[in-house]
Amino acid sequence: MYAIQSRYLEVLITAVEGRKNQDKDPLLDVKEIGQYADAVAIHNNQQLLLAEASLVHCPKLEKRRQDEFKLARTMRDSWISHVRSISRLGVPP
């Protein structure tokens, strides 16, 4: 079985930070900070699982929509980040 490390309470999502800073010059532009998730599972320095906590009983509709959008966007950013890292490590035929 694999040892999967987990972190809780406002963990920086590295894929979002990478997306926000991908077209910036590291010497000239100010680095933007990514979004934070409530929980993250990490394996081999890759963030595998993102979790966002929300109210279950009587949640505010606006907050719920924000959380759903944030979760979908961060999952997309994480997926793209994983594919890029696998592509960099892969050997072309």
Protein backbone atom coordinates (compact mmCIF):
# COMPACT_ATOMS: atom_id res chain seq x y z
CA MET A 1 0.00 0.00 0.00
CA TYR A 2 1.15 3.53 -0.70
CA ALA A 3 1.87 6.03 2.03
CA ILE A 4 -0.29 9.03 1.22
CA GLN A 5 0.38 12.11 3.29
CA SER A 6 -2.48 14.48 4.06
CA ARG A 7 -2.62 18.08 5.20
CA TYR A 8 -5.56 20.02 6.57
CA LEU A 9 -6.66 23.61 7.13
CA GLU A 10 -5.89 26.03 4.32
CA VAL A 11 -3.23 24.31 2.25
CA LEU A 12 -1.82 26.11 -0.79
CA ILE A 13 -2.81 24.48 -4.08
CA THR A 14 0.39 24.51 -6.13
CA ALA A 15 -1.35 23.93 -9.47
CA VAL A 16 -3.40 27.12 -9.14
CA GLU A 17 -0.28 29.08 -8.30
CA GLY A 18 1.41 27.59 -11.38
CA ARG A 19 -1.51 28.57 -13.63
CA LYS A 20 -1.56 32.14 -12.33
CA ASN A 21 2.18 32.58 -12.84
CA GLN A 22 2.84 30.57 -16.02
CA ASP A 23 3.06 33.58 -18.37
CA LYS A 24 4.96 35.85 -15.98
CA ASP A 25 8.62 36.69 -16.05
CA PRO A 26 10.03 35.55 -12.68
CA LEU A 27 12.58 38.37 -12.67
CA LEU A 28 10.22 41.23 -13.54
CA ASP A 29 6.69 40.32 -12.46
CA VAL A 30 5.29 39.88 -8.99
CA LYS A 31 4.38 36.26 -8.19
CA GLU A 32 0.68 35.65 -7.48
CA ILE A 33 -0.31 33.32 -4.68
CA GLY A 34 -2.66 30.45 -5.51
CA GLN A 35 -5.86 29.46 -3.78
CA TYR A 36 -6.12 27.41 -0.63
CA ALA A 37 -8.01 24.16 -0.03
CA ASP A 38 -9.27 22.87 3.30
CA ALA A 39 -7.58 19.49 2.84
CA VAL A 40 -5.02 18.00 0.45
CA ALA A 41 -3.62 14.48 0.00
CA ILE A 42 -0.05 14.32 -1.29
CA HIS A 43 1.89 11.46 -2.91
CA ASN A 44 5.31 11.87 -4.58
CA ASN A 45 5.05 15.67 -4.27
CA GLN A 46 1.80 15.65 -6.25
CA GLN A 47 -1.46 16.92 -4.78
CA LEU A 48 -3.88 14.07 -5.45
CA LEU A 49 -7.01 15.05 -3.57
CA LEU A 50 -8.51 18.43 -2.84
CA ALA A 51 -11.31 18.99 -0.35
CA GLU A 52 -13.37 22.05 0.42
CA ALA A 53 -15.49 22.17 3.58
CA SER A 54 -18.94 23.72 3.51
CA LEU A 55 -21.98 23.96 5.73
CA VAL A 56 -24.33 21.01 5.51
CA HIS A 57 -27.29 22.48 7.40
CA CYS A 58 -28.76 25.67 5.86
CA PRO A 59 -25.79 26.74 3.73
CA LYS A 60 -25.81 30.10 2.01
CA LEU A 61 -26.45 29.56 -1.68
CA GLU A 62 -23.77 32.06 -2.78
CA LYS A 63 -21.07 30.42 -0.63
CA ARG A 64 -22.03 26.96 -1.91
CA ARG A 65 -21.75 28.11 -5.53
CA GLN A 66 -18.37 29.73 -4.82
CA ASP A 67 -17.10 26.50 -3.23
CA GLU A 68 -18.35 24.39 -6.16
CA PHE A 69 -16.69 26.68 -8.71
CA LYS A 70 -13.46 26.84 -6.70
CA LEU A 71 -13.33 23.06 -6.34
CA ALA A 72 -13.99 22.44 -10.04
CA ARG A 73 -11.37 25.02 -11.10
CA THR A 74 -8.71 23.73 -8.69
CA MET A 75 -9.34 20.11 -9.75
CA ARG A 76 -8.90 21.17 -13.39
CA ASP A 77 -5.67 23.02 -12.57
CA SER A 78 -4.37 20.01 -10.62
CA TRP A 79 -5.19 17.63 -13.47
CA ILE A 80 -3.35 19.82 -15.99
CA SER A 81 -0.39 20.08 -13.61
CA HIS A 82 -0.24 16.27 -13.25
CA VAL A 83 -0.38 15.71 -17.01
CA ARG A 84 2.39 18.26 -17.58
CA SER A 85 4.65 16.70 -14.94
CA ILE A 86 4.08 13.20 -16.38
CA SER A 87 4.80 14.52 -19.89
CA ARG A 88 8.06 16.11 -18.74
CA LEU A 89 9.18 12.86 -17.14
CA GLY A 90 8.13 10.66 -20.06
CA VAL A 91 10.55 9.52 -22.71
CA PRO A 92 9.38 10.03 -26.30
CA PRO A 93 9.31 6.90 -28.49
